[in-house]
Amino acid sequence: MKTYDNFFLPVNDLEKAKDYYQNVLGLSLKFDFSSKGMIAFHVGEEEPAIILKDTGRFPEAKSTIWFEVESVNEEYERLKKKGVNFLSVPYMIGTGHAVEFEDLFGNRFGITDYIKE
């Protein structure tokens, strides 16, 4: 695991959440993909963002921490051999590959890379 990538939080009202994170907490908007059910906010000068996921579009959403890795496919195979409980096989996202898993206690994590095919 190289670094944190993003922090995902489920919300049941994306517009209300956008107002809260922007106008109450004072976070600046990183991107607004409301049509895809996600809005992201910068936290200071850090690259990792808080990404709000609309539970109307993503009913299985849980609070999730993603880590950046060199290669999702390689890390997936390595961790799978160690018994990690992945929620799917690796899949493509706009910036590369990703896959999520849960630890022994039900906490959700993900790994992502920036390798586009």
Protein backbone atom coordinates (compact mmCIF):
# COMPACT_ATOMS: atom_id res chain seq x y z
CA MET A 1 0.00 0.00 0.00
CA LYS A 2 1.61 3.24 -1.16
CA THR A 3 -0.66 5.90 0.31
CA TYR A 4 -4.25 6.79 1.03
CA ASP A 5 -6.29 7.33 -2.10
CA ASN A 6 -9.79 8.45 -1.03
CA PHE A 7 -12.32 8.17 1.77
CA PHE A 8 -15.86 7.19 0.76
CA LEU A 9 -18.88 8.04 2.91
CA PRO A 10 -22.49 7.00 2.22
CA VAL A 11 -25.17 9.71 2.29
CA ASN A 12 -28.92 9.47 1.69
CA ASP A 13 -29.37 13.03 0.37
CA LEU A 14 -26.57 14.12 -1.96
CA GLU A 15 -27.69 17.75 -2.30
CA LYS A 16 -28.11 18.20 1.46
CA ALA A 17 -24.72 16.54 2.03
CA LYS A 18 -23.09 18.78 -0.60
CA ASP A 19 -24.44 21.85 1.19
CA TYR A 20 -23.24 20.58 4.58
CA TYR A 21 -19.71 19.64 3.50
CA GLN A 22 -19.28 22.80 1.44
CA ASN A 23 -21.06 25.47 3.47
CA VAL A 24 -20.93 24.16 7.04
CA LEU A 25 -17.58 22.34 7.09
CA GLY A 26 -16.05 24.71 4.53
CA LEU A 27 -14.49 22.04 2.31
CA SER A 28 -13.84 22.92 -1.32
CA LEU A 29 -15.38 20.90 -4.12
CA LYS A 30 -12.98 18.56 -5.94
CA PHE A 31 -15.56 17.18 -8.38
CA ASP A 32 -19.33 16.93 -8.68
CA PHE A 33 -20.53 13.79 -10.40
CA SER A 34 -24.02 14.03 -8.92
CA SER A 35 -25.43 12.42 -12.05
CA LYS A 36 -23.27 9.38 -11.21
CA GLY A 37 -24.12 9.56 -7.49
CA MET A 38 -20.82 10.98 -6.19
CA ILE A 39 -19.41 14.30 -5.01
CA ALA A 40 -15.83 14.79 -3.78
CA PHE A 41 -14.28 17.37 -1.49
CA HIS A 42 -10.70 18.45 -0.92
CA VAL A 43 -9.34 18.32 2.61
CA GLY A 44 -6.69 21.03 2.77
CA GLU A 45 -3.87 20.48 0.30
CA GLU A 46 -4.05 16.68 0.51
CA GLU A 47 -4.67 14.67 -2.66
CA PRO A 48 -7.00 12.11 -1.01
CA ALA A 49 -10.56 13.37 -1.00
CA ILE A 50 -13.76 12.69 0.88
CA ILE A 51 -16.13 11.23 -1.68
CA LEU A 52 -19.82 11.12 -0.82
CA LYS A 53 -21.75 8.24 -2.38
CA ASP A 54 -25.51 8.49 -2.80
CA THR A 55 -27.12 5.43 -1.21
CA GLY A 56 -29.95 5.78 -3.73
CA ARG A 57 -27.45 4.88 -6.46
CA PHE A 58 -25.18 2.74 -4.26
CA PRO A 59 -27.43 0.96 -1.74
CA GLU A 60 -24.58 -1.24 -0.49
CA ALA A 61 -22.28 1.74 0.20
CA LYS A 62 -20.36 1.72 3.48
CA SER A 63 -17.70 4.01 4.86
CA THR A 64 -14.62 2.91 2.92
CA ILE A 65 -10.94 3.80 2.84
CA TRP A 66 -9.10 3.26 -0.44
CA PHE A 67 -5.34 2.82 -0.75
CA GLU A 68 -3.23 3.38 -3.83
CA VAL A 69 -1.12 0.42 -4.95
CA GLU A 70 1.27 -0.13 -7.85
CA SER A 71 -0.97 -2.76 -9.49
CA VAL A 72 -4.45 -3.71 -8.32
CA ASN A 73 -4.29 -7.03 -10.18
CA GLU A 74 -1.00 -8.03 -8.54
CA GLU A 75 -2.07 -6.87 -5.07
CA TYR A 76 -5.44 -8.62 -5.49
CA GLU A 77 -3.71 -11.94 -6.23
CA ARG A 78 -1.26 -11.50 -3.35
CA LEU A 79 -3.96 -10.64 -0.81
CA LYS A 80 -6.37 -13.29 -2.11
CA LYS A 81 -3.73 -15.95 -1.38
CA LYS A 82 -3.64 -14.63 2.19
CA GLY A 83 -7.40 -15.09 2.58
CA VAL A 84 -8.61 -11.51 2.08
CA ASN A 85 -12.39 -11.38 1.50
CA PHE A 86 -12.81 -9.37 -1.72
CA LEU A 87 -16.28 -8.15 -2.66
CA SER A 88 -15.66 -8.62 -6.40
CA VAL A 89 -12.89 -9.15 -8.88
CA PRO A 90 -10.88 -6.05 -9.90
CA TYR A 91 -12.76 -3.67 -12.20
CA MET A 92 -12.00 -0.59 -14.30
CA ILE A 93 -12.78 2.92 -13.06
CA GLY A 94 -12.08 6.25 -14.76
CA THR A 95 -8.50 6.41 -13.47
CA GLY A 96 -7.41 2.76 -13.50
CA HIS A 97 -8.39 -0.40 -11.62
CA ALA A 98 -10.07 -0.91 -8.26
CA VAL A 99 -11.46 -3.59 -5.98
CA GLU A 100 -12.92 -3.51 -2.47
CA PHE A 101 -12.65 -5.93 0.44
CA GLU A 102 -13.64 -6.21 4.07
CA ASP A 103 -11.38 -7.00 6.98
CA LEU A 104 -12.19 -9.58 9.63
CA PHE A 105 -14.33 -7.03 11.46
CA GLY A 106 -16.52 -5.83 8.57
CA ASN A 107 -14.57 -2.63 7.88
CA ARG A 108 -14.45 -1.85 4.18
CA PHE A 109 -11.29 -0.96 2.25
CA GLY A 110 -10.34 -0.70 -1.38
CA ILE A 111 -7.24 -0.66 -3.50
CA THR A 112 -6.76 1.31 -6.68
CA ASP A 113 -4.05 2.02 -9.18
CA TYR A 114 -3.63 4.53 -11.94
CA ILE A 115 -2.96 2.05 -14.74
CA LYS A 116 -5.30 2.67 -17.66
CA GLU A 117 -5.65 0.00 -20.31
